Amino acid sequence: MIKRLELHLNLNFERGTLEAEAKLKLAGKAGTFLLNRGLRVDSASVPFSCRLEGLRGFETFKASVIRLKEPLEEVELNYLGRLESYESVLPYLKDSISRGYTLLRTDSLFYPIPSEPDFESIIKSVVGPEFNAEITVEGVPEGLVVAFGGEICGNRLRIEGTNRLDIAIAPFTVIEEEPFRLFVLGEKGIERTLKLLEKAYGFYSSILGRRADKFTVIETPENYGGQAGKGYALVTGSSLRAEIPTNLYHELAHLWNPRATPEAHLSRFFDEAFANYLTALAIREIHGEEAFNRFIEGLKRDYEVIVRRFPEAEKLRPSEWGRLGLWELSYTKGALILYELHRRAGDAFYDVLRRLLKEEKVGFERFRRIVKEVAGIEVTV
């Protein structure tokens, strides 16, 4: 697990390539690291090997696997190459370096991730202990703006207590209206979006407490997928300007996710189910009961589609979704489970949420006990 990351990036926008120096301080010794499939290590702290491999459990996702001669707690890696998109495997993962729109995400492995080439291993590594990062970015052409969820000072970026990194570079317009900072590709429709964002933030804060002094929104092109990090979110332009910006409410809601154990996180129940049901509540608060009911009915229809493809999903508990790769159930059935719990628990449901937010790490058994203690309801998870 990473404790501290120092990263120097030199980007070539004409070739779509990067050269990088990474210094990692780890929570323990590690000898295997993953990088984007288009990147290769040029030098390291100790002798190493590097080859392209598919992730066990997700073989079509190939990565450069770096194996050090001996495991280390502090590692230096110099690497270079072309950042390759993974959209043929995961359609949303279009990350690349270009003048039109550059996106660097943890998902595309643009920096070394200490992990075995195994899907479960990389998930546990990414959702493990939070780390601090300092990044310098060079080679950005004039007219392009670097967008980042943490502090930005010239070409230096800094963020503390994160478990992922997301950097976008494009001709952004920057809008700052406390506590929000928006990097947008056009200002049309953004004034209304800001007002809705303020309402959603105020609603979540009123029921669960204020969670961040600043929240950053970074606009992405279509079909890049939504993403949430510590105090920031990536949201597509159409989602930002929608009549009901559901995806924006969803990414904002991640600020109030309980912290899950790495094992529990595999199901995505404690982040996506909770974020989707909080989204439903924000829709009811801001847009009314009818809009809320439409959203819930949409979740039910989407769940039925999954069940038609995987009939066994109907009988599975949330704790089983992760190991079977059915984490998409958290967006639908997971949110519907919370909807039913809210219906049965009434206002005690909010007490359950507040209690969960105080926990250092939550697993399914701990969740079951808290629901029983706070709301007097027995749940099966």
Protein backbone atom coordinates (compact mmCIF):
# COMPACT_ATOMS: atom_id res chain seq x y z
CA MET A 1 0.00 0.00 0.00
CA ILE A 2 1.28 3.50 -0.85
CA LYS A 3 1.90 5.95 2.02
CA ARG A 4 3.51 8.71 -0.01
CA LEU A 5 3.99 9.29 -3.72
CA GLU A 6 6.26 11.81 -5.42
CA LEU A 7 5.65 11.87 -9.15
CA HIS A 8 7.31 13.93 -11.87
CA LEU A 9 5.53 13.77 -15.23
CA ASN A 10 6.84 15.09 -18.53
CA LEU A 11 4.06 14.84 -21.15
CA ASN A 12 4.41 14.90 -24.94
CA PHE A 13 1.04 15.92 -26.39
CA GLU A 14 2.03 15.33 -30.00
CA ARG A 15 3.04 11.71 -29.44
CA GLY A 16 0.72 10.87 -26.56
CA THR A 17 3.70 9.78 -24.48
CA LEU A 18 5.07 10.46 -21.05
CA GLU A 19 8.32 10.20 -19.16
CA ALA A 20 8.03 9.85 -15.40
CA GLU A 21 9.99 9.54 -12.21
CA ALA A 22 8.14 7.99 -9.29
CA LYS A 23 9.26 7.75 -5.67
CA LEU A 24 7.00 5.60 -3.50
CA LYS A 25 7.05 5.12 0.24
CA LEU A 26 5.01 2.04 1.12
CA ALA A 27 3.26 0.80 4.25
CA GLY A 28 5.25 -2.43 3.92
CA LYS A 29 7.65 -4.05 1.49
CA ALA A 30 6.45 -4.77 -2.04
CA GLY A 31 8.18 -6.35 -4.99
CA THR A 32 5.54 -6.24 -7.73
CA PHE A 33 4.04 -3.15 -9.36
CA LEU A 34 1.57 -2.55 -12.20
CA LEU A 35 1.75 0.12 -14.91
CA ASN A 36 -0.25 0.99 -18.00
CA ARG A 37 0.30 -1.55 -20.77
CA GLY A 38 1.99 1.09 -22.97
CA LEU A 39 4.57 2.07 -20.36
CA ARG A 40 7.89 0.38 -19.59
CA VAL A 41 10.33 0.86 -16.75
CA ASP A 42 13.71 2.28 -17.74
CA SER A 43 15.41 2.04 -14.33
CA ALA A 44 14.59 1.14 -10.73
CA SER A 45 16.08 1.07 -7.24
CA VAL A 46 17.10 -2.57 -7.69
CA PRO A 47 17.34 -4.99 -10.63
CA PHE A 48 13.93 -5.75 -12.10
CA SER A 49 12.00 -7.50 -14.84
CA CYS A 50 9.06 -6.07 -16.79
CA ARG A 51 6.58 -7.87 -19.03
CA LEU A 52 3.00 -7.55 -20.25
CA GLU A 53 0.48 -9.77 -18.45
CA GLY A 54 -3.30 -10.04 -18.08
CA LEU A 55 -4.79 -9.62 -14.61
CA ARG A 56 -5.90 -12.90 -13.04
CA GLY A 57 -9.67 -12.79 -12.89
CA PHE A 58 -9.70 -10.16 -15.67
CA GLU A 59 -7.26 -11.54 -18.26
CA THR A 60 -8.28 -9.14 -21.04
CA PHE A 61 -7.01 -6.23 -18.94
CA LYS A 62 -3.28 -6.29 -19.64
CA ALA A 63 -0.70 -4.34 -17.67
CA SER A 64 3.06 -3.94 -17.54
CA VAL A 65 4.08 -6.02 -14.53
CA ILE A 66 7.31 -4.92 -12.83
CA ARG A 67 8.96 -7.40 -10.50
CA LEU A 68 11.85 -6.18 -8.36
CA LYS A 69 14.73 -8.50 -7.45
CA GLU A 70 13.87 -7.86 -3.80
CA PRO A 71 10.84 -6.26 -2.08
CA LEU A 72 11.38 -2.70 -0.79
CA GLU A 73 9.55 -0.18 1.38
CA GLU A 74 10.92 2.78 -0.58
CA VAL A 75 11.03 2.42 -4.35
CA GLU A 76 12.17 4.62 -7.23
CA LEU A 77 11.01 3.84 -10.75
CA ASN A 78 11.74 5.73 -13.96
CA TYR A 79 9.41 4.82 -16.81
CA LEU A 80 8.25 6.04 -20.19
CA GLY A 81 6.07 5.23 -23.17
CA ARG A 82 2.67 5.89 -24.70
CA LEU A 83 -0.32 5.95 -22.38
CA GLU A 84 -2.66 3.37 -23.87
CA SER A 85 -6.45 3.47 -23.58
CA TYR A 86 -8.31 0.47 -22.15
CA GLU A 87 -11.63 1.26 -23.84
CA SER A 88 -11.65 -2.05 -25.72
CA VAL A 89 -11.94 -3.74 -22.30
CA LEU A 90 -13.74 -1.07 -20.27
CA PRO A 91 -15.52 1.35 -22.64
CA TYR A 92 -15.36 4.28 -20.21
CA LEU A 93 -11.57 4.02 -19.78
CA LYS A 94 -10.52 6.22 -22.71
CA ASP A 95 -7.58 7.83 -20.87
CA SER A 96 -4.85 9.17 -23.16
CA ILE A 97 -2.55 12.14 -23.67
CA SER A 98 -3.74 14.49 -26.42
CA ARG A 99 -4.35 18.17 -27.08
CA GLY A 100 -8.09 17.55 -27.35
CA TYR A 101 -8.52 16.07 -23.89
CA THR A 102 -5.97 14.42 -21.64
CA LEU A 103 -7.04 12.23 -18.74
CA LEU A 104 -4.81 10.36 -16.32
CA ARG A 105 -6.58 8.14 -13.79
CA THR A 106 -5.58 5.48 -11.31
CA ASP A 107 -7.74 3.13 -13.42
CA SER A 108 -5.38 3.53 -16.40
CA LEU A 109 -2.32 2.82 -14.22
CA PHE A 110 -0.40 5.96 -15.16
CA TYR A 111 1.63 5.62 -11.96
CA PRO A 112 2.99 2.43 -10.35
CA ILE A 113 0.45 0.51 -8.26
CA PRO A 114 1.92 -1.98 -5.75
CA SER A 115 -0.08 -5.09 -6.55
CA GLU A 116 0.14 -8.59 -7.93
CA PRO A 117 -1.37 -8.96 -11.44
CA ASP A 118 -4.67 -10.01 -9.93
CA PHE A 119 -8.01 -8.16 -10.03
CA GLU A 120 -8.79 -8.62 -6.32
CA SER A 121 -5.24 -7.68 -5.37
CA ILE A 122 -5.34 -4.38 -7.25
CA ILE A 123 -8.74 -3.49 -5.77
CA LYS A 124 -7.42 -4.11 -2.26
CA SER A 125 -4.32 -2.04 -3.01
CA VAL A 126 -6.30 0.91 -4.35
CA VAL A 127 -8.89 0.98 -1.53
CA GLY A 128 -6.30 0.40 1.18
CA PRO A 129 -4.71 3.06 3.40
CA GLU A 130 -4.87 6.58 2.02
CA PHE A 131 -1.70 8.29 0.80
CA ASN A 132 -0.29 11.76 0.22
CA ALA A 133 0.87 12.73 -3.27
CA GLU A 134 2.96 15.51 -4.75
CA ILE A 135 3.05 15.71 -8.54
CA THR A 136 4.79 17.99 -11.01
CA VAL A 137 3.49 18.16 -14.58
CA GLU A 138 5.64 19.47 -17.43
CA GLY A 139 5.04 19.84 -21.15
CA VAL A 140 1.52 21.31 -21.01
CA PRO A 141 0.94 23.53 -24.09
CA GLU A 142 -0.19 27.12 -23.70
CA GLY A 143 -3.98 27.43 -23.61
CA LEU A 144 -4.55 24.16 -21.77
CA VAL A 145 -5.43 24.01 -18.08
CA VAL A 146 -4.54 21.32 -15.56
CA ALA A 147 -7.55 20.16 -13.52
CA PHE A 148 -7.02 18.28 -10.27
CA GLY A 149 -8.98 17.51 -7.13
CA GLY A 150 -6.35 18.77 -4.69
CA GLU A 151 -4.15 21.85 -4.46
CA ILE A 152 -2.79 23.37 -7.68
CA CYS A 153 0.18 25.75 -7.62
CA GLY A 154 1.54 26.34 -11.08
CA ASN A 155 2.65 22.95 -12.38
CA ARG A 156 2.72 21.43 -8.89
CA LEU A 157 -0.20 19.37 -7.61
CA ARG A 158 -0.72 18.16 -4.05
CA ILE A 159 -3.36 16.06 -2.33
CA GLU A 160 -3.50 14.42 1.09
CA GLY A 161 -5.39 11.38 2.33
CA THR A 162 -6.46 10.09 -1.08
CA ASN A 163 -6.67 6.56 -2.45
CA ARG A 164 -6.62 7.54 -6.12
CA LEU A 165 -5.33 10.21 -8.51
CA ASP A 166 -7.15 11.89 -11.41
CA ILE A 167 -5.60 14.59 -13.59
CA ALA A 168 -7.31 16.16 -16.61
CA ILE A 169 -5.77 18.64 -19.06
CA ALA A 170 -7.94 20.56 -21.54
CA PRO A 171 -9.00 24.13 -22.48
CA PHE A 172 -11.03 24.40 -19.26
CA THR A 173 -12.81 27.43 -17.89
CA VAL A 174 -12.38 27.55 -14.11
CA ILE A 175 -15.34 28.63 -11.98
CA GLU A 176 -14.89 29.09 -8.24
CA GLU A 177 -17.84 29.66 -5.94
CA GLU A 178 -17.15 28.45 -2.42
CA PRO A 179 -17.13 25.63 -1.53
CA PHE A 180 -17.07 24.57 -5.19
CA ARG A 181 -14.46 24.68 -7.92
CA LEU A 182 -15.51 23.65 -11.43
CA PHE A 183 -13.32 22.91 -14.46
CA VAL A 184 -15.75 23.05 -17.38
CA LEU A 185 -15.45 22.81 -21.16
CA GLY A 186 -18.16 25.46 -21.69
CA GLU A 187 -20.09 27.78 -19.40
CA LYS A 188 -23.53 27.27 -20.97
CA GLY A 189 -25.96 25.81 -18.41
CA ILE A 190 -23.41 25.81 -15.59
CA GLU A 191 -25.11 28.55 -13.55
CA ARG A 192 -28.14 26.31 -13.05
CA THR A 193 -25.89 23.34 -12.30
CA LEU A 194 -24.16 25.30 -9.56
CA LYS A 195 -27.45 26.11 -7.89
CA LEU A 196 -28.51 22.44 -7.93
CA LEU A 197 -25.08 21.39 -6.65
CA GLU A 198 -25.44 23.82 -3.74
CA LYS A 199 -28.86 22.39 -2.90
CA ALA A 200 -27.61 18.79 -2.99
CA TYR A 201 -24.56 19.65 -0.89
CA GLY A 202 -26.75 21.47 1.63
CA PHE A 203 -29.17 18.53 1.81
CA TYR A 204 -26.50 15.87 2.34
CA SER A 205 -24.82 18.09 4.94
CA SER A 206 -28.11 18.63 6.79
CA ILE A 207 -28.73 14.90 7.30
CA LEU A 208 -25.15 13.63 7.61
CA GLY A 209 -22.95 16.58 8.54
CA ARG A 210 -20.56 18.70 6.47
CA ARG A 211 -17.78 16.58 4.96
CA ALA A 212 -15.47 18.84 2.93
CA ASP A 213 -14.35 22.46 2.80
CA LYS A 214 -14.02 22.33 -1.00
CA PHE A 215 -15.54 20.14 -3.71
CA THR A 216 -14.08 20.08 -7.21
CA VAL A 217 -15.97 19.05 -10.36
CA ILE A 218 -14.02 18.21 -13.51
CA GLU A 219 -15.97 17.96 -16.77
CA THR A 220 -15.14 15.06 -19.08
CA PRO A 221 -16.25 14.31 -22.64
CA GLU A 222 -19.13 11.91 -23.15
CA ASN A 223 -18.78 8.21 -22.31
CA TYR A 224 -15.78 8.68 -20.03
CA GLY A 225 -17.76 7.55 -17.01
CA GLY A 226 -18.25 9.25 -13.67
CA GLN A 227 -15.62 9.02 -10.97
CA ALA A 228 -15.28 10.29 -7.43
CA GLY A 229 -12.13 10.91 -5.42
CA LYS A 230 -11.46 12.67 -2.16
CA GLY A 231 -13.28 15.98 -2.46
CA TYR A 232 -13.73 15.86 -6.23
CA ALA A 233 -15.60 14.20 -9.08
CA LEU A 234 -15.30 13.62 -12.81
CA VAL A 235 -18.65 14.15 -14.57
CA THR A 236 -19.57 14.24 -18.27
CA GLY A 237 -20.89 17.44 -19.80
CA SER A 238 -24.40 16.11 -20.49
CA SER A 239 -24.65 14.86 -16.91
CA LEU A 240 -23.60 18.25 -15.56
CA ARG A 241 -26.28 20.05 -17.55
CA ALA A 242 -29.11 17.52 -17.29
CA GLU A 243 -32.56 18.63 -16.12
CA ILE A 244 -31.99 16.41 -13.08
CA PRO A 245 -28.18 15.98 -12.81
CA THR A 246 -28.39 12.50 -11.30
CA ASN A 247 -24.75 11.63 -11.94
CA LEU A 248 -23.57 14.83 -10.28
CA TYR A 249 -25.66 14.10 -7.18
CA HIS A 250 -24.27 10.55 -7.20
CA GLU A 251 -20.61 11.59 -7.36
CA LEU A 252 -21.15 14.25 -4.70
CA ALA A 253 -22.81 11.66 -2.45
CA HIS A 254 -19.58 9.64 -2.39
CA LEU A 255 -18.29 12.23 0.09
CA TRP A 256 -20.57 10.54 2.63
CA ASN A 257 -19.69 6.90 1.91
CA PRO A 258 -18.81 4.69 4.88
CA ARG A 259 -15.25 3.41 4.73
CA ALA A 260 -15.36 -0.26 3.81
CA THR A 261 -12.84 -2.99 4.46
CA PRO A 262 -10.97 -4.05 1.30
CA GLU A 263 -12.90 -7.35 1.26
CA ALA A 264 -16.28 -5.61 1.60
CA HIS A 265 -15.33 -3.01 -1.00
CA LEU A 266 -15.20 -5.66 -3.72
CA SER A 267 -19.00 -5.74 -3.79
CA ARG A 268 -19.14 -1.89 -4.09
CA PHE A 269 -22.12 -1.96 -1.69
CA PHE A 270 -20.70 0.60 0.73
CA ASP A 271 -19.89 3.11 -1.97
CA GLU A 272 -22.18 2.66 -4.99
CA ALA A 273 -25.34 1.43 -3.22
CA PHE A 274 -25.08 4.19 -0.62
CA ALA A 275 -24.27 6.87 -3.20
CA ASN A 276 -27.17 5.79 -5.42
CA TYR A 277 -29.70 5.82 -2.60
CA LEU A 278 -28.47 9.19 -1.33
CA THR A 279 -28.93 10.36 -4.93
CA ALA A 280 -32.55 9.22 -4.76
CA LEU A 281 -33.06 11.18 -1.55
CA ALA A 282 -31.51 14.32 -3.08
CA ILE A 283 -33.82 13.97 -6.08
CA ARG A 284 -36.83 13.81 -3.75
CA GLU A 285 -35.62 16.81 -1.75
CA ILE A 286 -34.85 19.00 -4.78
CA HIS A 287 -37.17 17.76 -7.54
CA GLY A 288 -40.09 16.21 -5.67
CA GLU A 289 -41.74 12.89 -4.88
CA GLU A 290 -42.68 12.07 -8.45
CA ALA A 291 -39.07 12.38 -9.63
CA PHE A 292 -37.96 10.23 -6.68
CA ASN A 293 -40.47 7.50 -7.58
CA ARG A 294 -39.32 7.53 -11.22
CA PHE A 295 -35.73 7.07 -10.07
CA ILE A 296 -36.66 4.13 -7.82
CA GLU A 297 -38.69 2.51 -10.59
CA GLY A 298 -35.69 2.92 -12.89
CA LEU A 299 -33.52 1.06 -10.37
CA LYS A 300 -36.06 -1.77 -10.31
CA ARG A 301 -36.10 -2.03 -14.11
CA ASP A 302 -32.30 -2.03 -14.28
CA TYR A 303 -32.17 -4.73 -11.62
CA GLU A 304 -34.63 -6.87 -13.60
CA VAL A 305 -32.36 -6.59 -16.65
CA ILE A 306 -29.43 -7.93 -14.60
CA VAL A 307 -31.54 -10.80 -13.24
CA ARG A 308 -32.56 -11.80 -16.77
CA ARG A 309 -28.86 -12.09 -17.65
CA PHE A 310 -27.81 -13.67 -14.34
CA PRO A 311 -30.83 -15.39 -12.72
CA GLU A 312 -28.65 -16.49 -9.78
CA ALA A 313 -28.20 -12.82 -8.81
CA GLU A 314 -31.64 -12.80 -7.21
CA LYS A 315 -30.53 -15.24 -4.50
CA LEU A 316 -27.11 -13.74 -3.74
CA ARG A 317 -26.31 -11.67 -0.67
CA PRO A 318 -24.41 -8.38 -1.12
CA SER A 319 -21.38 -9.94 0.57
CA GLU A 320 -21.23 -12.44 -2.31
CA TRP A 321 -21.41 -9.97 -5.19
CA GLY A 322 -17.72 -9.03 -5.18
CA ARG A 323 -16.16 -12.46 -5.49
CA LEU A 324 -18.54 -13.28 -8.36
CA GLY A 325 -17.82 -10.04 -10.21
CA LEU A 326 -21.44 -8.85 -9.87
CA TRP A 327 -20.64 -5.52 -8.22
CA GLU A 328 -23.03 -3.82 -10.68
CA LEU A 329 -25.81 -5.11 -8.41
CA SER A 330 -24.82 -2.48 -5.86
CA TYR A 331 -26.12 0.31 -8.12
CA THR A 332 -29.53 -1.34 -8.35
CA LYS A 333 -30.36 -4.02 -5.80
CA GLY A 334 -27.97 -2.48 -3.28
CA ALA A 335 -29.73 0.88 -3.47
CA LEU A 336 -33.12 -0.87 -3.32
CA ILE A 337 -32.03 -2.71 -0.16
CA LEU A 338 -31.31 0.68 1.45
CA TYR A 339 -34.65 2.00 0.17
CA GLU A 340 -36.46 -0.87 1.90
CA LEU A 341 -34.38 -0.42 5.08
CA HIS A 342 -35.29 3.29 5.10
CA ARG A 343 -38.95 2.46 4.63
CA ARG A 344 -38.88 0.09 7.62
CA ALA A 345 -36.59 2.13 9.88
CA GLY A 346 -38.05 5.58 9.27
CA ASP A 347 -35.89 8.42 10.61
CA ALA A 348 -33.69 5.89 12.44
CA PHE A 349 -32.25 5.19 8.98
CA TYR A 350 -30.33 8.48 9.18
CA ASP A 351 -29.02 7.47 12.60
CA VAL A 352 -27.70 4.28 10.99
CA LEU A 353 -25.94 6.30 8.28
CA ARG A 354 -24.40 8.70 10.81
CA ARG A 355 -23.20 5.78 12.90
CA LEU A 356 -21.60 4.12 9.87
CA LEU A 357 -19.73 7.31 9.01
CA LYS A 358 -18.07 7.24 12.44
CA GLU A 359 -16.69 3.74 11.90
CA GLU A 360 -13.04 3.38 10.90
CA LYS A 361 -13.83 0.44 8.59
CA VAL A 362 -17.14 -1.27 7.88
CA GLY A 363 -17.74 -4.85 6.75
CA PHE A 364 -21.03 -6.64 6.23
CA GLU A 365 -21.17 -8.15 9.72
CA ARG A 366 -20.49 -4.77 11.33
CA PHE A 367 -23.19 -3.21 9.15
CA ARG A 368 -25.68 -5.87 10.25
CA ARG A 369 -24.91 -5.24 13.92
CA ILE A 370 -25.24 -1.47 13.62
CA VAL A 371 -28.62 -1.75 11.89
CA LYS A 372 -29.79 -4.07 14.68
CA GLU A 373 -28.48 -1.81 17.47
CA VAL A 374 -29.69 1.50 16.03
CA ALA A 375 -32.90 0.58 14.21
CA GLY A 376 -33.83 -2.73 15.82
CA ILE A 377 -34.01 -4.42 12.39
CA GLU A 378 -32.38 -7.72 11.46
CA VAL A 379 -30.85 -7.65 7.97
CA THR A 380 -29.21 -10.40 5.94
CA VAL A 381 -26.11 -9.26 4.08
